[in-house]
Every structure is written in structure tokens, then in C-alpha cells.
Amino acid sequence: MPGRHAGLSWPSDSRVSWRPGRPVRMSSEQRHLGEPDPADQTRARWQPTAVCPVARSFDVYPSVVEASRMMNSQYDKAVGYVRRIYDRRISTSAILDAATNFPSCTRFSTAWGQFREEALCIQESLSTVPRFHELMPQQAAISANDERDWRLFVIKAYGVNFPKNARRCPRLAAMVSTSPEVLSAALSFLAPGKHVPEHRGPFRGVVRYYLGLSVPLAADGLPGATLTIDATDYRLGDGQWLLWDDTFVHEIRNDSQGVRIALLLDVRRKGMPLSLEVLSRVLIAAAGIAIRLQLPR
């Protein structure tokens, strides 16, 4: 459960009013892995454009979507096979207890204000931060699905560090470097009106930590970004967090008029059977090698 309320069960029709430190919950929410050029200080403007961003690299947007679907088909087959291996051995709820699965989360959540300052500085040159589908083309279906951007500033990915990026957010990078269970870390920038449709994470060897850093309010006065996990909505504001299993179907929508910034961490899952622990280490190492092969030489 988010924040210090991890482990509480909620009735299906629950409503919780928002205040700092608690989420609103309502039933029914890495080009290659290159680093941006810090010399480019152009301020990005989050406005829909006449041409979808990915179409700047390809002539026709529908052809990109079709190619993405073909890539996703092969990707999904491989991922589906791996998921089935884990699903037979791990049974868990979507929302996880942080004290058991990520004790270090308290260190990150208490430092959210410092991370926010660093993220806002990066936002000033947001056009240099790659969109998710520029980092992973096979994810175009969820990143280039509309004319609004989802950008990721990657600090670490499956054990691979990005020193140039880390120098731009030293306090966050320092905490990540002293948390060996954190395999990946990125600042996520979601444009106003952006909808990331339903999708699932690749395998249960990692769990996802989400920390709101700058979340504009919606017209109703509540946090404007809605994260829907396993058919339940979570509206997480500044400094609010959630630890969850991202192999559950999830999506996110920014219904505010501003950019939503969040910290995303992938954390090594604890307490797995030895065979899955070994498999997870192999898969994570393979992902790290694949990332290194994409890096500029």
C-alpha cells in the first residue's frame, strides 16, 4: 500500500480524501539508451504537434505503429513465456508491502523534495530527454500512441549506470548507488493529456517503485495523474509513493494541464525460490548486456 499505509485492505467502493502523505484511491490505474546533451538548453513546450514525434524519423505514422505491432508480437511471445514460468511459482497481490519488499523506500520517499529540485532543473531542457519509444522502439505502441510525449531520463538501467545523466541529479544518483537492490532508476516526464495505455511489465523478478515528484492538480483539486493498476485507480501526489508488481495490467493518464514528474525504480524482488532467483539474475544480466551493446562507442 502507498506510503506508511502498506498492507491495509480497502473496500471496493472506498474513497479517501487527498492530503500530503496519502494517496487518493478509487476503485474501477531507453535512438538507444543515450544520454541527453546538456549543452542543449532549449525549453521543451508540452503541446500537441501536427506530426507525431516518432514521425519525424519515419515518413508515415501508421507504418510506425504497424512495425511496432510486429516487433511487439515477437517481444510479447518471449515475455509471455518468461511470465508463465514466474506465474507458476509466485503468487502475489498487485500492491506490495514495502517493509518486506523494499525497506530502503523510506530513504527515497523522505528525500523526494531534493529529487524534485533536480528533476525540475532537468525539465528546463526537456527536449534533450528521449521519449520512451526512442529508447525502446518496441514500446512505440504505448509511447507513440498519441501526439503527446512520455520522456525518460535514465540514471541506471538493469545495472548499467549512465554517469553523464547521474551528474545532473547527484543526490538521486548517490542514493541509487548506495541501494544495490535498485536495478533501474529513471525520471519520468508525462505531458499534459498523455495517456499510456494498458500494458504489463516483462517479468516478476523485479518490482516497481513509483514516487510522485511534481504532480499538477486536476480540475477537481486532486492529483491530476491517475495510475490504474489491476483495475484500481491511484492518484498519487507530490511525495506520495507506491510499490507494486508491474506484471499486473496497468496504465496511466495525465489529466492535468502541467507535466507530471515521477521517479521510477525497478527493485530486485525478495524471497523468490532459488531457481527463480538464478533465472532472474541471468535475465537481468542479459538485459544489461543488451543495453551496453546499444550504447554509443
C-alpha atoms as a PDB file:
ATOM      1  CA  MET A   1       0.000   0.000   0.000  1.00  0.00           C
ATOM      2  CA  PRO A   2       1.242   3.509  -0.634  1.00  0.00           C
ATOM      3  CA  GLY A   3       3.272   5.278   1.982  1.00  0.00           C
ATOM      4  CA  ARG A   4       3.033   4.134   5.516  1.00  0.00           C
ATOM      5  CA  HIS A   5      -0.350   2.539   4.871  1.00  0.00           C
ATOM      6  CA  ALA A   6       1.156  -0.531   3.164  1.00  0.00           C
ATOM      7  CA  GLY A   7      -0.759  -3.675   3.904  1.00  0.00           C
ATOM      8  CA  LEU A   8      -4.186  -2.138   4.530  1.00  0.00           C
ATOM      9  CA  SER A   9      -7.109  -3.653   2.681  1.00  0.00           C
ATOM     10  CA  TRP A  10      -9.614  -1.334   1.070  1.00  0.00           C
ATOM     11  CA  PRO A  11     -13.263  -1.982   0.230  1.00  0.00           C
ATOM     12  CA  SER A  12     -14.053  -1.939  -3.460  1.00  0.00           C
ATOM     13  CA  ASP A  13     -16.014   1.304  -3.179  1.00  0.00           C
ATOM     14  CA  SER A  14     -13.547   3.113  -0.922  1.00  0.00           C
ATOM     15  CA  ARG A  15     -12.938   6.855  -1.221  1.00  0.00           C
ATOM     16  CA  VAL A  16     -10.070   8.568   0.569  1.00  0.00           C
ATOM     17  CA  SER A  17      -9.725  12.344   0.517  1.00  0.00           C
ATOM     18  CA  TRP A  18      -6.293  13.589  -0.507  1.00  0.00           C
ATOM     19  CA  ARG A  19      -3.775  15.220   1.759  1.00  0.00           C
ATOM     20  CA  PRO A  20       0.047  15.240   1.735  1.00  0.00           C
ATOM     21  CA  GLY A  21       1.483  11.827   2.512  1.00  0.00           C
ATOM     22  CA  ARG A  22      -1.578   9.851   1.432  1.00  0.00           C
ATOM     23  CA  PRO A  23      -2.846   8.832  -1.991  1.00  0.00           C
ATOM     24  CA  VAL A  24      -6.343   9.138  -3.311  1.00  0.00           C
ATOM     25  CA  ARG A  25      -7.525   5.675  -4.209  1.00  0.00           C
ATOM     26  CA  MET A  26     -10.699   4.941  -6.086  1.00  0.00           C
ATOM     27  CA  SER A  27     -11.723   1.534  -7.366  1.00  0.00           C
ATOM     28  CA  SER A  28     -12.725   0.856 -11.033  1.00  0.00           C
ATOM     29  CA  GLU A  29      -4.743   2.978 -12.769  1.00  0.00           C
ATOM     30  CA  GLN A  30      15.513   3.885 -23.237  1.00  0.00           C
ATOM     31  CA  ARG A  31      17.727   6.361 -30.521  1.00  0.00           C
ATOM     32  CA  HIS A  32      19.401   3.758 -27.929  1.00  0.00           C
ATOM     33  CA  LEU A  33      19.931   4.359 -24.272  1.00  0.00           C
ATOM     34  CA  GLY A  34      21.796   7.578 -24.987  1.00  0.00           C
ATOM     35  CA  GLU A  35      22.187  10.441 -22.607  1.00  0.00           C
ATOM     36  CA  PRO A  36      20.918  13.913 -23.485  1.00  0.00           C
ATOM     37  CA  ASP A  37      23.327  16.653 -24.446  1.00  0.00           C
ATOM     38  CA  PRO A  38      23.346  19.041 -21.506  1.00  0.00           C
ATOM     39  CA  ALA A  39      24.508  21.828 -23.830  1.00  0.00           C
ATOM     40  CA  ASP A  40      21.060  21.940 -25.388  1.00  0.00           C
ATOM     41  CA  GLN A  41      19.136  24.213 -23.059  1.00  0.00           C
ATOM     42  CA  THR A  42      16.056  24.561 -25.210  1.00  0.00           C
ATOM     43  CA  ARG A  43      12.974  24.526 -23.065  1.00  0.00           C
ATOM     44  CA  ALA A  44      10.533  21.909 -24.222  1.00  0.00           C
ATOM     45  CA  ARG A  45       6.951  23.025 -24.677  1.00  0.00           C
ATOM     46  CA  TRP A  46       4.421  20.365 -23.942  1.00  0.00           C
ATOM     47  CA  GLN A  47       1.913  20.989 -26.684  1.00  0.00           C
ATOM     48  CA  PRO A  48       0.436  18.607 -29.243  1.00  0.00           C
ATOM     49  CA  THR A  49       2.070  18.935 -32.645  1.00  0.00           C
ATOM     50  CA  ALA A  50       0.698  18.345 -36.105  1.00  0.00           C
ATOM     51  CA  VAL A  51       3.106  15.451 -36.633  1.00  0.00           C
ATOM     52  CA  CYS A  52       3.533  12.658 -34.141  1.00  0.00           C
ATOM     53  CA  PRO A  53       7.058  12.817 -32.642  1.00  0.00           C
ATOM     54  CA  VAL A  54       8.050   9.427 -33.974  1.00  0.00           C
ATOM     55  CA  ALA A  55       7.006  10.501 -37.477  1.00  0.00           C
ATOM     56  CA  ARG A  56       9.973  12.856 -37.541  1.00  0.00           C
ATOM     57  CA  SER A  57      12.122   9.756 -38.034  1.00  0.00           C
ATOM     58  CA  PHE A  58       9.697   7.889 -40.273  1.00  0.00           C
ATOM     59  CA  ASP A  59       7.597   9.074 -43.202  1.00  0.00           C
ATOM     60  CA  VAL A  60       4.196   7.793 -42.151  1.00  0.00           C
ATOM     61  CA  TYR A  61       2.976   7.427 -38.602  1.00  0.00           C
ATOM     62  CA  PRO A  62       0.668   4.425 -39.254  1.00  0.00           C
ATOM     63  CA  SER A  63       3.624   2.479 -40.678  1.00  0.00           C
ATOM     64  CA  VAL A  64       5.494   3.066 -37.421  1.00  0.00           C
ATOM     65  CA  VAL A  65       2.589   1.732 -35.447  1.00  0.00           C
ATOM     66  CA  GLU A  66       2.350  -1.328 -37.692  1.00  0.00           C
ATOM     67  CA  ALA A  67       6.093  -2.005 -37.410  1.00  0.00           C
ATOM     68  CA  SER A  68       5.788  -1.580 -33.675  1.00  0.00           C
ATOM     69  CA  ARG A  69       2.996  -4.123 -33.569  1.00  0.00           C
ATOM     70  CA  MET A  70       5.141  -6.654 -35.415  1.00  0.00           C
ATOM     71  CA  MET A  71       8.042  -6.057 -33.040  1.00  0.00           C
ATOM     72  CA  ASN A  72       5.711  -6.257 -30.075  1.00  0.00           C
ATOM     73  CA  SER A  73       4.354  -9.577 -31.302  1.00  0.00           C
ATOM     74  CA  GLN A  74       7.790 -11.208 -31.088  1.00  0.00           C
ATOM     75  CA  TYR A  75       8.641  -9.360 -27.879  1.00  0.00           C
ATOM     76  CA  ASP A  76       5.353 -10.375 -26.281  1.00  0.00           C
ATOM     77  CA  LYS A  77       5.833 -14.037 -27.167  1.00  0.00           C
ATOM     78  CA  ALA A  78       9.192 -14.150 -25.442  1.00  0.00           C
ATOM     79  CA  VAL A  79       7.994 -12.142 -22.457  1.00  0.00           C
ATOM     80  CA  GLY A  80       4.833 -14.219 -22.188  1.00  0.00           C
ATOM     81  CA  TYR A  81       6.864 -17.398 -21.907  1.00  0.00           C
ATOM     82  CA  VAL A  82       9.001 -15.923 -19.132  1.00  0.00           C
ATOM     83  CA  ARG A  83       5.943 -14.619 -17.293  1.00  0.00           C
ATOM     84  CA  ARG A  84       4.380 -18.077 -17.254  1.00  0.00           C
ATOM     85  CA  ILE A  85       7.479 -19.507 -15.587  1.00  0.00           C
ATOM     86  CA  TYR A  86       7.224 -16.951 -12.783  1.00  0.00           C
ATOM     87  CA  ASP A  87       3.450 -17.081 -12.505  1.00  0.00           C
ATOM     88  CA  ARG A  88       3.574 -20.779 -11.712  1.00  0.00           C
ATOM     89  CA  ARG A  89       5.830 -20.144  -8.715  1.00  0.00           C
ATOM     90  CA  ILE A  90       4.926 -16.663  -7.451  1.00  0.00           C
ATOM     91  CA  SER A  91       1.501 -15.614  -6.294  1.00  0.00           C
ATOM     92  CA  THR A  92       1.184 -12.033  -5.128  1.00  0.00           C
ATOM     93  CA  SER A  93      -1.183  -9.113  -4.941  1.00  0.00           C
ATOM     94  CA  ALA A  94      -0.628  -6.110  -7.200  1.00  0.00           C
ATOM     95  CA  ILE A  95       0.295  -3.776  -4.331  1.00  0.00           C
ATOM     96  CA  LEU A  96       3.235  -4.886  -2.237  1.00  0.00           C
ATOM     97  CA  ASP A  97       4.331  -4.291   1.329  1.00  0.00           C
ATOM     98  CA  ALA A  98       7.383  -2.021   1.270  1.00  0.00           C
ATOM     99  CA  ALA A  99       8.748  -3.092   4.653  1.00  0.00           C
ATOM    100  CA  THR A 100       9.123  -6.604   3.301  1.00  0.00           C
ATOM    101  CA  ASN A 101       9.965  -5.969  -0.346  1.00  0.00           C
ATOM    102  CA  PHE A 102      11.860  -2.644  -0.369  1.00  0.00           C
ATOM    103  CA  PRO A 103      12.881  -1.439   3.101  1.00  0.00           C
ATOM    104  CA  SER A 104      15.032   1.313   1.542  1.00  0.00           C
ATOM    105  CA  CYS A 105      11.933   3.010   0.171  1.00  0.00           C
ATOM    106  CA  THR A 106      11.806   5.227   3.256  1.00  0.00           C
ATOM    107  CA  ARG A 107      15.168   6.758   2.282  1.00  0.00           C
ATOM    108  CA  PHE A 108      13.823   7.655  -1.146  1.00  0.00           C
ATOM    109  CA  SER A 109      10.436   8.930  -0.020  1.00  0.00           C
ATOM    110  CA  THR A 110      11.869  11.225   2.653  1.00  0.00           C
ATOM    111  CA  ALA A 111      14.247  12.793   0.085  1.00  0.00           C
ATOM    112  CA  TRP A 112      11.545  13.430  -2.520  1.00  0.00           C
ATOM    113  CA  GLY A 113      11.906  17.218  -2.250  1.00  0.00           C
ATOM    114  CA  GLN A 114      15.591  17.062  -3.174  1.00  0.00           C
ATOM    115  CA  PHE A 115      14.830  14.787  -6.121  1.00  0.00           C
ATOM    116  CA  ARG A 116      12.095  17.182  -7.216  1.00  0.00           C
ATOM    117  CA  GLU A 117      14.565  20.091  -7.367  1.00  0.00           C
ATOM    118  CA  GLU A 118      16.898  18.066  -9.588  1.00  0.00           C
ATOM    119  CA  ALA A 119      14.054  16.908 -11.813  1.00  0.00           C
ATOM    120  CA  LEU A 120      12.760  20.459 -12.291  1.00  0.00           C
ATOM    121  CA  CYS A 121      16.246  21.539 -13.420  1.00  0.00           C
ATOM    122  CA  ILE A 122      16.246  18.733 -15.989  1.00  0.00           C
ATOM    123  CA  GLN A 123      12.797  19.800 -17.144  1.00  0.00           C
ATOM    124  CA  GLU A 124      14.252  23.136 -18.233  1.00  0.00           C
ATOM    125  CA  SER A 125      15.985  21.292 -21.107  1.00  0.00           C
ATOM    126  CA  LEU A 126      13.329  18.656 -21.563  1.00  0.00           C
ATOM    127  CA  SER A 127      13.662  18.472 -25.350  1.00  0.00           C
ATOM    128  CA  THR A 128      17.033  16.761 -24.804  1.00  0.00           C
ATOM    129  CA  VAL A 129      15.425  13.938 -22.832  1.00  0.00           C
ATOM    130  CA  PRO A 130      14.481  10.988 -25.082  1.00  0.00           C
ATOM    131  CA  ARG A 131      10.960   9.680 -25.455  1.00  0.00           C
ATOM    132  CA  PHE A 132      10.408   6.147 -24.245  1.00  0.00           C
ATOM    133  CA  HIS A 133       9.966   4.715 -27.760  1.00  0.00           C
ATOM    134  CA  GLU A 134      13.262   6.323 -28.778  1.00  0.00           C
ATOM    135  CA  LEU A 135      14.895   4.272 -26.044  1.00  0.00           C
ATOM    136  CA  MET A 136      12.896   1.111 -26.738  1.00  0.00           C
ATOM    137  CA  PRO A 137      11.325   1.117 -30.243  1.00  0.00           C
ATOM    138  CA  GLN A 138       9.250  -1.958 -29.421  1.00  0.00           C
ATOM    139  CA  GLN A 139       7.346   0.191 -26.929  1.00  0.00           C
ATOM    140  CA  ALA A 140       6.033   2.616 -29.570  1.00  0.00           C
ATOM    141  CA  ALA A 141       2.524   1.244 -29.114  1.00  0.00           C
ATOM    142  CA  ILE A 142       2.330   2.714 -25.623  1.00  0.00           C
ATOM    143  CA  SER A 143       4.674   5.689 -26.024  1.00  0.00           C
ATOM    144  CA  ALA A 144       3.963   6.974 -29.572  1.00  0.00           C
ATOM    145  CA  ASN A 145       0.275   6.155 -29.388  1.00  0.00           C
ATOM    146  CA  ASP A 146      -0.770   9.814 -29.418  1.00  0.00           C
ATOM    147  CA  GLU A 147       0.839  13.193 -30.103  1.00  0.00           C
ATOM    148  CA  ARG A 148       1.935  13.735 -26.512  1.00  0.00           C
ATOM    149  CA  ASP A 149       5.284  12.860 -25.033  1.00  0.00           C
ATOM    150  CA  TRP A 150       6.405  10.404 -22.413  1.00  0.00           C
ATOM    151  CA  ARG A 151      10.094  11.103 -21.739  1.00  0.00           C
ATOM    152  CA  LEU A 152      12.514   9.141 -19.558  1.00  0.00           C
ATOM    153  CA  PHE A 153      15.746  10.470 -18.059  1.00  0.00           C
ATOM    154  CA  VAL A 154      17.631   7.247 -17.313  1.00  0.00           C
ATOM    155  CA  ILE A 155      20.163   7.150 -14.485  1.00  0.00           C
ATOM    156  CA  LYS A 156      20.547   3.391 -14.290  1.00  0.00           C
ATOM    157  CA  ALA A 157      19.085   0.537 -16.354  1.00  0.00           C
ATOM    158  CA  TYR A 158      19.372  -3.100 -15.319  1.00  0.00           C
ATOM    159  CA  GLY A 159      22.620  -2.426 -13.505  1.00  0.00           C
ATOM    160  CA  VAL A 160      24.094  -0.197 -16.229  1.00  0.00           C
ATOM    161  CA  ASN A 161      24.937   3.292 -14.967  1.00  0.00           C
ATOM    162  CA  PHE A 162      24.746   6.482 -17.042  1.00  0.00           C
ATOM    163  CA  PRO A 163      27.368   8.773 -15.491  1.00  0.00           C
ATOM    164  CA  LYS A 164      26.561  11.869 -17.559  1.00  0.00           C
ATOM    165  CA  ASN A 165      22.933  11.714 -16.502  1.00  0.00           C
ATOM    166  CA  ALA A 166      23.896  10.945 -12.922  1.00  0.00           C
ATOM    167  CA  ARG A 167      25.952  14.134 -12.746  1.00  0.00           C
ATOM    168  CA  ARG A 168      22.799  16.144 -13.473  1.00  0.00           C
ATOM    169  CA  CYS A 169      20.975  14.720 -10.455  1.00  0.00           C
ATOM    170  CA  PRO A 170      23.758  13.969  -7.952  1.00  0.00           C
ATOM    171  CA  ARG A 171      21.597  13.484  -4.878  1.00  0.00           C
ATOM    172  CA  LEU A 172      19.333  10.961  -6.544  1.00  0.00           C
ATOM    173  CA  ALA A 173      22.282   9.193  -8.192  1.00  0.00           C
ATOM    174  CA  ALA A 174      24.088   8.966  -4.853  1.00  0.00           C
ATOM    175  CA  MET A 175      21.126   7.289  -3.200  1.00  0.00           C
ATOM    176  CA  VAL A 176      20.691   4.868  -6.103  1.00  0.00           C
ATOM    177  CA  SER A 177      24.393   3.975  -5.944  1.00  0.00           C
ATOM    178  CA  THR A 178      24.079   3.033  -2.273  1.00  0.00           C
ATOM    179  CA  SER A 179      20.991   0.878  -2.878  1.00  0.00           C
ATOM    180  CA  PRO A 180      22.231  -2.309  -4.594  1.00  0.00           C
ATOM    181  CA  GLU A 181      18.721  -3.721  -4.816  1.00  0.00           C
ATOM    182  CA  VAL A 182      17.771  -0.876  -7.190  1.00  0.00           C
ATOM    183  CA  LEU A 183      18.432  -2.210 -10.692  1.00  0.00           C
ATOM    184  CA  SER A 184      16.962   0.677 -12.698  1.00  0.00           C
ATOM    185  CA  ALA A 185      16.174   4.313 -11.971  1.00  0.00           C
ATOM    186  CA  ALA A 186      14.606   6.950 -14.210  1.00  0.00           C
ATOM    187  CA  LEU A 187      12.778  10.251 -14.009  1.00  0.00           C
ATOM    188  CA  SER A 188       9.522  10.012 -15.922  1.00  0.00           C
ATOM    189  CA  PHE A 189       8.049  13.129 -17.568  1.00  0.00           C
ATOM    190  CA  LEU A 190       4.447  12.808 -18.734  1.00  0.00           C
ATOM    191  CA  ALA A 191       2.983  15.555 -20.925  1.00  0.00           C
ATOM    192  CA  PRO A 192      -0.408  17.112 -20.217  1.00  0.00           C
ATOM    193  CA  GLY A 193      -3.142  14.895 -21.623  1.00  0.00           C
ATOM    194  CA  LYS A 194      -0.779  11.967 -22.205  1.00  0.00           C
ATOM    195  CA  HIS A 195      -2.323   8.519 -21.890  1.00  0.00           C
ATOM    196  CA  VAL A 196      -0.099   5.451 -21.612  1.00  0.00           C
ATOM    197  CA  PRO A 197      -2.465   2.581 -22.460  1.00  0.00           C
ATOM    198  CA  GLU A 198      -2.725  -0.737 -20.695  1.00  0.00           C
ATOM    199  CA  HIS A 199       0.447  -2.838 -20.648  1.00  0.00           C
ATOM    200  CA  ARG A 200       2.404  -5.199 -18.404  1.00  0.00           C
ATOM    201  CA  GLY A 201       5.982  -5.410 -17.161  1.00  0.00           C
ATOM    202  CA  PRO A 202       8.139  -8.229 -18.544  1.00  0.00           C
ATOM    203  CA  PHE A 203       8.727 -10.479 -15.529  1.00  0.00           C
ATOM    204  CA  ARG A 204       8.276 -10.821 -11.802  1.00  0.00           C
ATOM    205  CA  GLY A 205      11.962 -10.803 -10.925  1.00  0.00           C
ATOM    206  CA  VAL A 206      11.659  -7.067 -10.200  1.00  0.00           C
ATOM    207  CA  VAL A 207       9.063  -4.851  -8.579  1.00  0.00           C
ATOM    208  CA  ARG A 208       8.283  -1.205  -9.351  1.00  0.00           C
ATOM    209  CA  TYR A 209       8.528   1.797  -7.022  1.00  0.00           C
ATOM    210  CA  TYR A 210       6.723   4.978  -8.059  1.00  0.00           C
ATOM    211  CA  LEU A 211       7.339   8.298  -6.273  1.00  0.00           C
ATOM    212  CA  GLY A 212       5.488  11.477  -7.232  1.00  0.00           C
ATOM    213  CA  LEU A 213       7.854  14.448  -7.540  1.00  0.00           C
ATOM    214  CA  SER A 214       5.831  17.106  -9.337  1.00  0.00           C
ATOM    215  CA  VAL A 215       2.195  16.240  -9.904  1.00  0.00           C
ATOM    216  CA  PRO A 216      -0.081  19.102 -11.022  1.00  0.00           C
ATOM    217  CA  LEU A 217      -3.617  19.119  -9.759  1.00  0.00           C
ATOM    218  CA  ALA A 218      -6.623  18.346 -11.924  1.00  0.00           C
ATOM    219  CA  ALA A 219      -9.775  20.456 -12.135  1.00  0.00           C
ATOM    220  CA  ASP A 220     -11.220  18.627  -9.127  1.00  0.00           C
ATOM    221  CA  GLY A 221      -8.293  19.733  -6.958  1.00  0.00           C
ATOM    222  CA  LEU A 222      -6.835  16.245  -6.704  1.00  0.00           C
ATOM    223  CA  PRO A 223      -3.546  14.961  -8.203  1.00  0.00           C
ATOM    224  CA  GLY A 224      -4.030  15.049 -11.961  1.00  0.00           C
ATOM    225  CA  ALA A 225      -2.223  11.825 -12.896  1.00  0.00           C
ATOM    226  CA  THR A 226      -4.122   8.587 -12.441  1.00  0.00           C
ATOM    227  CA  LEU A 227      -2.189   5.327 -12.251  1.00  0.00           C
ATOM    228  CA  THR A 228      -4.518   2.386 -12.777  1.00  0.00           C
ATOM    229  CA  ILE A 229      -3.244  -0.986 -11.608  1.00  0.00           C
ATOM    230  CA  ASP A 230      -5.324  -4.117 -11.887  1.00  0.00           C
ATOM    231  CA  ALA A 231      -8.489  -2.036 -12.409  1.00  0.00           C
ATOM    232  CA  THR A 232      -7.896   0.160  -9.344  1.00  0.00           C
ATOM    233  CA  ASP A 233      -7.111   3.883  -9.624  1.00  0.00           C
ATOM    234  CA  TYR A 234      -4.345   5.586  -7.623  1.00  0.00           C
ATOM    235  CA  ARG A 235      -3.989   9.365  -7.713  1.00  0.00           C
ATOM    236  CA  LEU A 236      -0.579   9.960  -6.160  1.00  0.00           C
ATOM    237  CA  GLY A 237       0.531  13.497  -5.349  1.00  0.00           C
ATOM    238  CA  ASP A 238       3.879  15.068  -4.528  1.00  0.00           C
ATOM    239  CA  GLY A 239       5.893  12.883  -2.165  1.00  0.00           C
ATOM    240  CA  GLN A 240       3.435  10.000  -2.355  1.00  0.00           C
ATOM    241  CA  TRP A 241       4.580   6.569  -3.395  1.00  0.00           C
ATOM    242  CA  LEU A 242       3.539   3.060  -4.300  1.00  0.00           C
ATOM    243  CA  LEU A 243       5.357  -0.290  -4.503  1.00  0.00           C
ATOM    244  CA  TRP A 244       3.736  -2.731  -6.883  1.00  0.00           C
ATOM    245  CA  ASP A 245       4.103  -5.704  -9.186  1.00  0.00           C
ATOM    246  CA  ASP A 246       4.123  -4.219 -12.692  1.00  0.00           C
ATOM    247  CA  THR A 247       3.314  -7.534 -14.363  1.00  0.00           C
ATOM    248  CA  PHE A 248      -0.271  -6.668 -13.465  1.00  0.00           C
ATOM    249  CA  VAL A 249      -2.074  -4.772 -16.218  1.00  0.00           C
ATOM    250  CA  HIS A 250      -1.633  -1.033 -15.692  1.00  0.00           C
ATOM    251  CA  GLU A 251      -1.969   2.319 -17.439  1.00  0.00           C
ATOM    252  CA  ILE A 252      -1.526   5.989 -16.596  1.00  0.00           C
ATOM    253  CA  ARG A 253      -3.224   9.175 -17.706  1.00  0.00           C
ATOM    254  CA  ASN A 254      -2.232  12.791 -17.028  1.00  0.00           C
ATOM    255  CA  ASP A 255      -5.430  14.794 -16.934  1.00  0.00           C
ATOM    256  CA  SER A 256      -3.773  17.958 -15.660  1.00  0.00           C
ATOM    257  CA  GLN A 257      -2.527  20.990 -17.599  1.00  0.00           C
ATOM    258  CA  GLY A 258       1.094  20.502 -16.498  1.00  0.00           C
ATOM    259  CA  VAL A 259       3.921  18.000 -16.780  1.00  0.00           C
ATOM    260  CA  ARG A 260       3.775  15.153 -14.296  1.00  0.00           C
ATOM    261  CA  ILE A 261       7.215  14.105 -12.979  1.00  0.00           C
ATOM    262  CA  ALA A 262       7.763  10.852 -11.097  1.00  0.00           C
ATOM    263  CA  LEU A 263      10.699   8.725 -10.021  1.00  0.00           C
ATOM    264  CA  LEU A 264      10.530   5.125 -11.237  1.00  0.00           C
ATOM    265  CA  LEU A 265      12.709   2.434  -9.678  1.00  0.00           C
ATOM    266  CA  ASP A 266      12.953  -1.246 -10.587  1.00  0.00           C
ATOM    267  CA  VAL A 267      13.867  -3.199  -7.471  1.00  0.00           C
ATOM    268  CA  ARG A 268      15.080  -6.777  -7.210  1.00  0.00           C
ATOM    269  CA  ARG A 269      12.287  -8.955  -5.824  1.00  0.00           C
ATOM    270  CA  LYS A 270      12.980 -10.596  -2.492  1.00  0.00           C
ATOM    271  CA  GLY A 271      12.002 -14.055  -1.285  1.00  0.00           C
ATOM    272  CA  MET A 272      11.875 -15.931  -4.591  1.00  0.00           C
ATOM    273  CA  PRO A 273      12.592 -19.672  -4.883  1.00  0.00           C
ATOM    274  CA  LEU A 274      16.259 -20.337  -5.624  1.00  0.00           C
ATOM    275  CA  SER A 275      15.558 -21.418  -9.204  1.00  0.00           C
ATOM    276  CA  LEU A 276      13.749 -18.148  -9.954  1.00  0.00           C
ATOM    277  CA  GLU A 277      16.468 -16.169  -8.199  1.00  0.00           C
ATOM    278  CA  VAL A 278      19.041 -17.735 -10.530  1.00  0.00           C
ATOM    279  CA  LEU A 279      16.819 -17.172 -13.576  1.00  0.00           C
ATOM    280  CA  SER A 280      16.257 -13.545 -12.579  1.00  0.00           C
ATOM    281  CA  ARG A 281      19.988 -12.909 -12.285  1.00  0.00           C
ATOM    282  CA  VAL A 282      20.519 -14.418 -15.749  1.00  0.00           C
ATOM    283  CA  LEU A 283      17.726 -12.319 -17.308  1.00  0.00           C
ATOM    284  CA  ILE A 284      18.897  -9.122 -15.600  1.00  0.00           C
ATOM    285  CA  ALA A 285      22.498  -9.750 -16.700  1.00  0.00           C
ATOM    286  CA  ALA A 286      21.307 -10.391 -20.277  1.00  0.00           C
ATOM    287  CA  ALA A 287      19.295  -7.168 -20.254  1.00  0.00           C
ATOM    288  CA  GLY A 288      22.346  -5.288 -19.002  1.00  0.00           C
ATOM    289  CA  ILE A 289      24.486  -6.722 -21.806  1.00  0.00           C
ATOM    290  CA  ALA A 290      21.869  -5.758 -24.394  1.00  0.00           C
ATOM    291  CA  ILE A 291      21.814  -2.207 -23.047  1.00  0.00           C
ATOM    292  CA  ARG A 292      25.612  -1.921 -23.132  1.00  0.00           C
ATOM    293  CA  LEU A 293      25.614  -3.071 -26.758  1.00  0.00           C
ATOM    294  CA  GLN A 294      23.284  -0.187 -27.633  1.00  0.00           C
ATOM    295  CA  LEU A 295      25.462   2.457 -26.033  1.00  0.00           C
ATOM    296  CA  PRO A 296      27.473   4.750 -28.338  1.00  0.00           C
ATOM    297  CA  ARG A 297      31.110   3.736 -28.715  1.00  0.00           C
END
